[in-house]
Amino acid sequence: MGTLHLVLNAVTVIFIAATMFAAGLRATVSALRGVFADVPLLSLALIANMVLIPLLGWGIGALFGVPSAAFIALVLIASSPGGPFGAKLAAVQQGDIVAGAAMQVLLASLGSLTFAPTANAILAAADIGTKVSLDVGALVRTVALLQLVPFAIGLLLRRYAEPTARAWHPTAAAVSNITFLIVLTGMLLGNWHDVADLFGSLALLAGFLLAVFAFAVGTLLATGPMARRTTMGGVASVRNAGPALAAIGLAFADQPAVLGALAAILLSGLAAALPIATLLSRRRSASETPQELADQAARSGLPGTGTDGRAVAGGTGVE
């Protein structure tokens, strides 16, 4: 079991670093600058993702009376914005792909610094029957190192060696996806007893509802056309597993119950967010003409679109 945990921890580190490296490779300075320049959108997104959704996770966990391990996992997930699948949801729902990707990497980067104090404050204030206190300094250093450094390297490559960045991005994205599946599967299989115990509680429903309400909060607290607003909702609904996994490794010594709860809550959240994005895509495909899709992309700051409203190669800040 000790060897399995060491391997899982190593794969987790690769997952976190590869995810942010891939995000940097597909980001552009102009896209990030566009998000920074939209002060109302940025301010509302920060409030939604770094204040309201962590409080929402606390409230749902307390309301449902979930077990301590599930409550900890729920708070860790709720406190960690910028999940990489959020950018994927923008494409799934035919939303504002550039704004979604830029906001995702921005939230993930800032979340490296805000995750530990946010989660620590909630866990310290919550009455879960056990004393929990995260080493905020160690977590900030670890998460920032694993996220900010790879992202900065990827962004610099995209800025000064774009052909190399474009060539490396598919491999980096594949490594991120594969290692995420390995980590998720490892958590589920390695802690299946604890996962099975959750079926007798409301923990899975809590994770599902957290994603649904986060989608709603992210959409309501956004500006611009509906495609951009629902894109922000998708980004808000998918949280970043990396910092939560780092916290479990550092603060909870890879406790099986917390790891199992984290895996189950992550899956239940994806089970909520993906159908919402798919439904939005179907409605847009049925109601919008190709020219309307092209105009919407232009309003979103998405250059290089064809007559069908989809981005053509080389015309976006993301792939």
Protein backbone atom coordinates (compact mmCIF):
# COMPACT_ATOMS: atom_id res chain seq x y z
CA MET A 1 0.00 0.00 0.00
CA GLY A 2 2.91 2.36 0.78
CA THR A 3 4.35 1.84 -2.70
CA LEU A 4 0.93 2.46 -4.26
CA HIS A 5 0.62 5.76 -2.40
CA LEU A 6 4.09 6.83 -3.52
CA VAL A 7 3.23 6.07 -7.14
CA LEU A 8 -0.12 7.85 -6.85
CA ASN A 9 1.56 10.90 -5.31
CA ALA A 10 4.13 10.98 -8.12
CA VAL A 11 1.42 10.74 -10.77
CA THR A 12 -0.51 13.49 -8.96
CA VAL A 13 2.48 15.83 -9.16
CA ILE A 14 2.80 15.08 -12.88
CA PHE A 15 -0.93 15.71 -13.36
CA ILE A 16 -0.84 19.12 -11.64
CA ALA A 17 2.31 20.29 -13.43
CA ALA A 18 1.26 18.95 -16.86
CA THR A 19 -2.17 20.53 -16.56
CA MET A 20 -0.82 23.98 -15.88
CA PHE A 21 1.98 23.59 -18.45
CA ALA A 22 -0.62 22.70 -21.10
CA ALA A 23 -2.72 25.68 -19.99
CA GLY A 24 0.27 27.98 -20.45
CA LEU A 25 1.03 26.53 -23.88
CA ARG A 26 -2.47 27.30 -25.14
CA ALA A 27 -2.86 30.71 -23.46
CA THR A 28 -1.90 34.01 -25.03
CA VAL A 29 -0.93 37.24 -23.36
CA SER A 30 -3.60 39.08 -25.38
CA ALA A 31 -6.34 36.72 -24.19
CA LEU A 32 -5.28 37.08 -20.56
CA ARG A 33 -5.01 40.84 -20.99
CA GLY A 34 -8.55 40.87 -22.35
CA VAL A 35 -9.85 39.21 -19.19
CA PHE A 36 -7.86 41.57 -16.96
CA ALA A 37 -9.17 44.58 -18.91
CA ASP A 38 -12.80 43.58 -18.40
CA VAL A 39 -12.94 44.77 -14.80
CA PRO A 40 -16.65 44.00 -14.16
CA LEU A 41 -16.30 40.45 -15.52
CA LEU A 42 -13.07 39.84 -13.62
CA SER A 43 -14.40 41.23 -10.34
CA LEU A 44 -17.61 39.23 -10.48
CA ALA A 45 -15.77 36.04 -11.44
CA LEU A 46 -13.37 36.44 -8.51
CA ILE A 47 -16.24 37.01 -6.08
CA ALA A 48 -18.12 34.00 -7.41
CA ASN A 49 -15.21 31.57 -7.51
CA MET A 50 -13.17 32.60 -4.49
CA VAL A 51 -15.86 33.73 -2.05
CA LEU A 52 -19.37 32.53 -2.86
CA ILE A 53 -18.64 29.00 -4.09
CA PRO A 54 -16.39 28.10 -1.13
CA LEU A 55 -19.15 29.35 1.18
CA LEU A 56 -21.64 27.38 -0.89
CA GLY A 57 -19.61 24.20 -0.38
CA TRP A 58 -19.54 24.84 3.36
CA GLY A 59 -23.27 25.47 3.44
CA ILE A 60 -24.22 22.39 1.41
CA GLY A 61 -21.97 20.16 3.48
CA ALA A 62 -23.38 21.50 6.74
CA LEU A 63 -26.99 21.36 5.52
CA PHE A 64 -26.72 17.74 4.42
CA GLY A 65 -24.70 16.69 7.46
CA VAL A 66 -22.17 14.75 5.36
CA PRO A 67 -19.44 12.72 7.12
CA SER A 68 -16.29 14.57 8.19
CA ALA A 69 -14.12 13.14 5.39
CA ALA A 70 -16.68 14.09 2.74
CA PHE A 71 -17.11 17.54 4.28
CA ILE A 72 -13.36 18.14 4.14
CA ALA A 73 -13.23 16.98 0.51
CA LEU A 74 -16.22 19.18 -0.39
CA VAL A 75 -14.63 22.26 1.19
CA LEU A 76 -11.28 21.56 -0.49
CA ILE A 77 -12.94 21.25 -3.90
CA ALA A 78 -15.15 24.31 -3.39
CA SER A 79 -12.11 26.39 -2.37
CA SER A 80 -10.09 25.45 -5.46
CA PRO A 81 -11.13 27.38 -8.62
CA GLY A 82 -9.88 26.99 -12.16
CA GLY A 83 -10.38 23.32 -13.04
CA PRO A 84 -8.94 22.59 -16.51
CA PHE A 85 -12.14 20.89 -17.66
CA GLY A 86 -13.87 24.27 -17.36
CA ALA A 87 -12.24 25.39 -20.61
CA LYS A 88 -13.41 22.15 -22.25
CA LEU A 89 -16.98 22.93 -21.23
CA ALA A 90 -16.77 26.22 -23.12
CA ALA A 91 -16.18 24.27 -26.32
CA VAL A 92 -18.83 21.67 -25.48
CA GLN A 93 -21.53 24.31 -25.00
CA GLN A 94 -20.35 26.40 -28.02
CA GLY A 95 -19.61 29.27 -25.68
CA ASP A 96 -16.92 31.95 -25.49
CA ILE A 97 -13.87 29.70 -25.79
CA VAL A 98 -11.18 32.37 -25.47
CA ALA A 99 -12.73 34.05 -22.41
CA GLY A 100 -13.38 30.68 -20.80
CA ALA A 101 -9.82 29.44 -21.28
CA ALA A 102 -8.30 32.74 -20.14
CA MET A 103 -10.50 32.86 -17.03
CA GLN A 104 -9.73 29.22 -16.22
CA VAL A 105 -5.96 29.71 -16.21
CA LEU A 106 -6.29 33.00 -14.36
CA LEU A 107 -8.42 31.42 -11.63
CA ALA A 108 -6.11 28.43 -11.37
CA SER A 109 -3.10 30.73 -10.98
CA LEU A 110 -4.71 33.00 -8.38
CA GLY A 111 -6.24 29.96 -6.69
CA SER A 112 -2.72 28.70 -6.02
CA LEU A 113 -2.43 31.55 -3.55
CA THR A 114 -5.98 31.75 -2.18
CA PHE A 115 -6.81 28.04 -1.85
CA ALA A 116 -4.98 27.31 1.40
CA PRO A 117 -6.16 30.30 3.46
CA THR A 118 -9.74 29.91 2.17
CA ALA A 119 -9.98 26.19 2.94
CA ASN A 120 -8.21 26.64 6.26
CA ALA A 121 -10.59 29.41 7.37
CA ILE A 122 -13.69 27.37 6.51
CA LEU A 123 -12.43 24.14 8.10
CA ALA A 124 -11.37 26.03 11.22
CA ALA A 125 -14.78 27.70 11.53
CA ALA A 126 -16.85 24.61 10.74
CA ASP A 127 -17.89 22.24 13.48
CA ILE A 128 -17.04 18.83 12.01
CA GLY A 129 -16.22 17.01 15.21
CA THR A 130 -12.47 17.04 14.67
CA LYS A 131 -9.81 19.73 14.73
CA VAL A 132 -8.46 20.49 11.27
CA SER A 133 -5.81 23.10 10.51
CA LEU A 134 -3.90 23.34 7.25
CA ASP A 135 -0.32 24.56 7.08
CA VAL A 136 -1.17 27.56 4.92
CA GLY A 137 2.42 28.53 4.20
CA ALA A 138 3.48 25.04 3.10
CA LEU A 139 0.37 24.62 0.97
CA VAL A 140 0.75 27.99 -0.76
CA ARG A 141 4.40 27.26 -1.56
CA THR A 142 3.69 23.74 -2.82
CA VAL A 143 0.63 24.56 -4.90
CA ALA A 144 2.14 27.75 -6.30
CA LEU A 145 5.30 25.87 -7.28
CA LEU A 146 3.37 23.05 -8.95
CA GLN A 147 0.97 25.39 -10.78
CA LEU A 148 2.49 28.80 -11.36
CA VAL A 149 5.95 27.71 -12.50
CA PRO A 150 4.75 25.23 -15.19
CA PHE A 151 2.14 27.73 -16.36
CA ALA A 152 4.70 30.52 -16.64
CA ILE A 153 7.05 28.26 -18.63
CA GLY A 154 4.24 27.28 -20.99
CA LEU A 155 3.12 30.90 -21.42
CA LEU A 156 6.68 32.03 -22.21
CA LEU A 157 7.01 29.27 -24.79
CA ARG A 158 3.73 30.34 -26.40
CA ARG A 159 4.90 33.95 -26.38
CA TYR A 160 8.41 33.48 -27.78
CA ALA A 161 8.36 30.06 -29.46
CA GLU A 162 4.80 29.63 -30.69
CA PRO A 163 5.50 26.78 -33.15
CA THR A 164 7.12 24.79 -30.35
CA ALA A 165 4.22 25.56 -28.01
CA ARG A 166 1.68 24.41 -30.58
CA ALA A 167 3.65 21.24 -31.25
CA TRP A 168 4.00 20.41 -27.55
CA HIS A 169 0.46 21.24 -26.47
CA PRO A 170 -1.26 18.01 -27.65
CA THR A 171 1.30 15.90 -25.78
CA ALA A 172 1.06 17.99 -22.63
CA ALA A 173 -2.75 17.88 -22.77
CA ALA A 174 -2.68 14.11 -23.26
CA VAL A 175 -0.37 13.67 -20.27
CA SER A 176 -2.72 15.82 -18.20
CA ASN A 177 -5.79 13.84 -19.24
CA ILE A 178 -4.18 10.43 -18.78
CA THR A 179 -2.65 11.22 -15.39
CA PHE A 180 -5.97 12.68 -14.22
CA LEU A 181 -7.71 9.41 -15.11
CA ILE A 182 -4.97 7.44 -13.35
CA VAL A 183 -5.24 9.56 -10.21
CA LEU A 184 -9.04 9.40 -10.21
CA THR A 185 -9.07 5.64 -10.79
CA GLY A 186 -6.40 5.12 -8.17
CA MET A 187 -8.37 7.09 -5.60
CA LEU A 188 -11.55 5.17 -6.38
CA LEU A 189 -10.01 1.69 -6.44
CA GLY A 190 -7.55 2.26 -3.63
CA ASN A 191 -10.25 3.59 -1.33
CA TRP A 192 -13.32 1.76 -2.62
CA HIS A 193 -14.50 0.88 0.88
CA ASP A 194 -14.70 4.59 1.75
CA VAL A 195 -16.33 5.41 -1.59
CA ALA A 196 -18.94 2.68 -1.03
CA ASP A 197 -19.72 4.12 2.40
CA LEU A 198 -20.68 7.41 0.75
CA PHE A 199 -23.66 5.80 -0.96
CA GLY A 200 -25.34 5.68 2.43
CA SER A 201 -24.88 9.42 2.92
CA LEU A 202 -25.75 12.56 0.98
CA ALA A 203 -22.13 13.27 -0.02
CA LEU A 204 -22.60 12.43 -3.71
CA LEU A 205 -25.71 14.57 -3.91
CA ALA A 206 -23.81 17.38 -2.18
CA GLY A 207 -21.08 17.24 -4.82
CA PHE A 208 -23.67 17.18 -7.59
CA LEU A 209 -25.54 20.17 -6.21
CA LEU A 210 -22.34 22.10 -5.61
CA ALA A 211 -21.56 21.88 -9.34
CA VAL A 212 -25.13 22.83 -10.32
CA PHE A 213 -25.27 25.85 -8.00
CA ALA A 214 -21.74 26.88 -8.96
CA PHE A 215 -22.79 26.86 -12.63
CA ALA A 216 -25.73 29.10 -11.74
CA VAL A 217 -23.64 31.48 -9.60
CA GLY A 218 -20.93 31.74 -12.27
CA THR A 219 -23.55 32.50 -14.93
CA LEU A 220 -25.45 35.07 -12.88
CA LEU A 221 -22.27 36.86 -11.76
CA ALA A 222 -20.95 37.49 -15.26
CA THR A 223 -21.28 40.17 -17.89
CA GLY A 224 -21.70 40.17 -21.66
CA PRO A 225 -23.76 37.99 -24.01
CA MET A 226 -25.35 34.80 -22.73
CA ALA A 227 -22.69 32.61 -24.38
CA ARG A 228 -19.98 34.31 -22.32
CA ARG A 229 -22.07 34.20 -19.14
CA THR A 230 -22.78 30.48 -19.36
CA THR A 231 -19.11 29.93 -20.19
CA MET A 232 -18.23 31.58 -16.88
CA GLY A 233 -20.79 29.29 -15.28
CA GLY A 234 -19.04 26.25 -16.72
CA VAL A 235 -15.65 27.47 -15.50
CA ALA A 236 -17.10 28.01 -12.02
CA SER A 237 -18.73 24.57 -11.85
CA VAL A 238 -15.54 22.58 -12.47
CA ARG A 239 -13.06 22.96 -9.63
CA ASN A 240 -9.31 22.34 -9.66
CA ALA A 241 -8.38 18.94 -8.22
CA GLY A 242 -4.65 19.72 -8.04
CA PRO A 243 -4.55 21.91 -4.91
CA ALA A 244 -7.06 19.64 -3.15
CA LEU A 245 -4.86 16.61 -3.83
CA ALA A 246 -1.81 18.50 -2.61
CA ALA A 247 -3.65 19.45 0.57
CA ILE A 248 -4.67 15.86 1.25
CA GLY A 249 -1.10 14.71 0.79
CA LEU A 250 0.39 17.42 3.00
CA ALA A 251 -2.22 17.94 5.69
CA PHE A 252 -4.10 14.63 5.86
CA ALA A 253 -1.33 12.13 5.06
CA ASP A 254 -3.34 10.73 2.12
CA GLN A 255 -6.17 9.58 4.36
CA PRO A 256 -8.18 7.00 2.37
CA ALA A 257 -11.55 8.36 3.50
CA VAL A 258 -10.76 11.90 2.30
CA LEU A 259 -9.20 10.67 -0.96
CA GLY A 260 -12.20 8.45 -1.69
CA ALA A 261 -14.62 11.26 -0.93
CA LEU A 262 -12.67 13.65 -3.15
CA ALA A 263 -12.80 11.23 -6.10
CA ALA A 264 -16.53 10.63 -5.66
CA ILE A 265 -17.33 14.34 -5.37
CA LEU A 266 -15.23 15.15 -8.44
CA LEU A 267 -17.13 12.56 -10.48
CA SER A 268 -20.52 13.72 -9.23
CA GLY A 269 -19.61 17.30 -10.13
CA LEU A 270 -18.64 16.33 -13.66
CA ALA A 271 -21.87 14.35 -13.92
CA ALA A 272 -23.75 17.59 -13.24
CA ALA A 273 -21.72 20.05 -15.35
CA LEU A 274 -21.34 18.05 -18.55
CA PRO A 275 -25.09 17.52 -19.24
CA ILE A 276 -25.74 21.24 -18.64
CA ALA A 277 -23.10 22.19 -21.22
CA THR A 278 -24.43 19.60 -23.68
CA LEU A 279 -27.98 20.93 -23.31
CA LEU A 280 -26.78 24.48 -23.93
CA SER A 281 -24.95 23.33 -27.06
CA ARG A 282 -28.06 21.66 -28.45
CA ARG A 283 -30.19 24.73 -27.83
CA ARG A 284 -27.66 26.99 -29.51
CA SER A 285 -27.30 24.68 -32.48
CA ALA A 286 -31.07 24.67 -32.91
CA SER A 287 -31.66 28.39 -32.43
CA GLU A 288 -28.61 30.18 -33.86
CA THR A 289 -27.69 30.54 -37.52
CA PRO A 290 -24.06 30.22 -38.64
CA GLN A 291 -23.82 33.99 -39.07
CA GLU A 292 -25.10 34.53 -35.52
CA LEU A 293 -22.47 32.13 -34.22
CA ALA A 294 -19.78 34.00 -36.17
CA ASP A 295 -21.01 37.36 -34.84
CA GLN A 296 -21.07 35.98 -31.31
CA ALA A 297 -17.49 34.80 -31.67
CA ALA A 298 -16.45 38.21 -32.96
CA ARG A 299 -18.12 39.95 -30.01
CA SER A 300 -16.24 37.62 -27.70
CA GLY A 301 -12.93 38.73 -29.19
CA LEU A 302 -12.41 35.45 -31.03
CA PRO A 303 -10.45 36.15 -34.24
CA GLY A 304 -10.28 33.91 -37.24
CA THR A 305 -13.75 32.37 -37.62
CA GLY A 306 -15.22 30.73 -40.65
CA THR A 307 -18.68 31.11 -42.10
CA ASP A 308 -19.99 28.35 -39.86
CA GLY A 309 -19.05 30.36 -36.80
CA ARG A 310 -16.33 27.96 -35.67
CA ALA A 311 -12.75 29.02 -35.12
CA VAL A 312 -10.33 28.21 -37.88
CA ALA A 313 -6.82 26.94 -37.20
CA GLY A 314 -4.47 29.50 -35.82
CA GLY A 315 -7.19 32.04 -35.10
CA THR A 316 -7.72 31.52 -31.40
CA GLY A 317 -5.78 31.89 -28.24
CA VAL A 318 -6.44 28.27 -27.39
CA GLU A 319 -6.47 24.93 -29.16
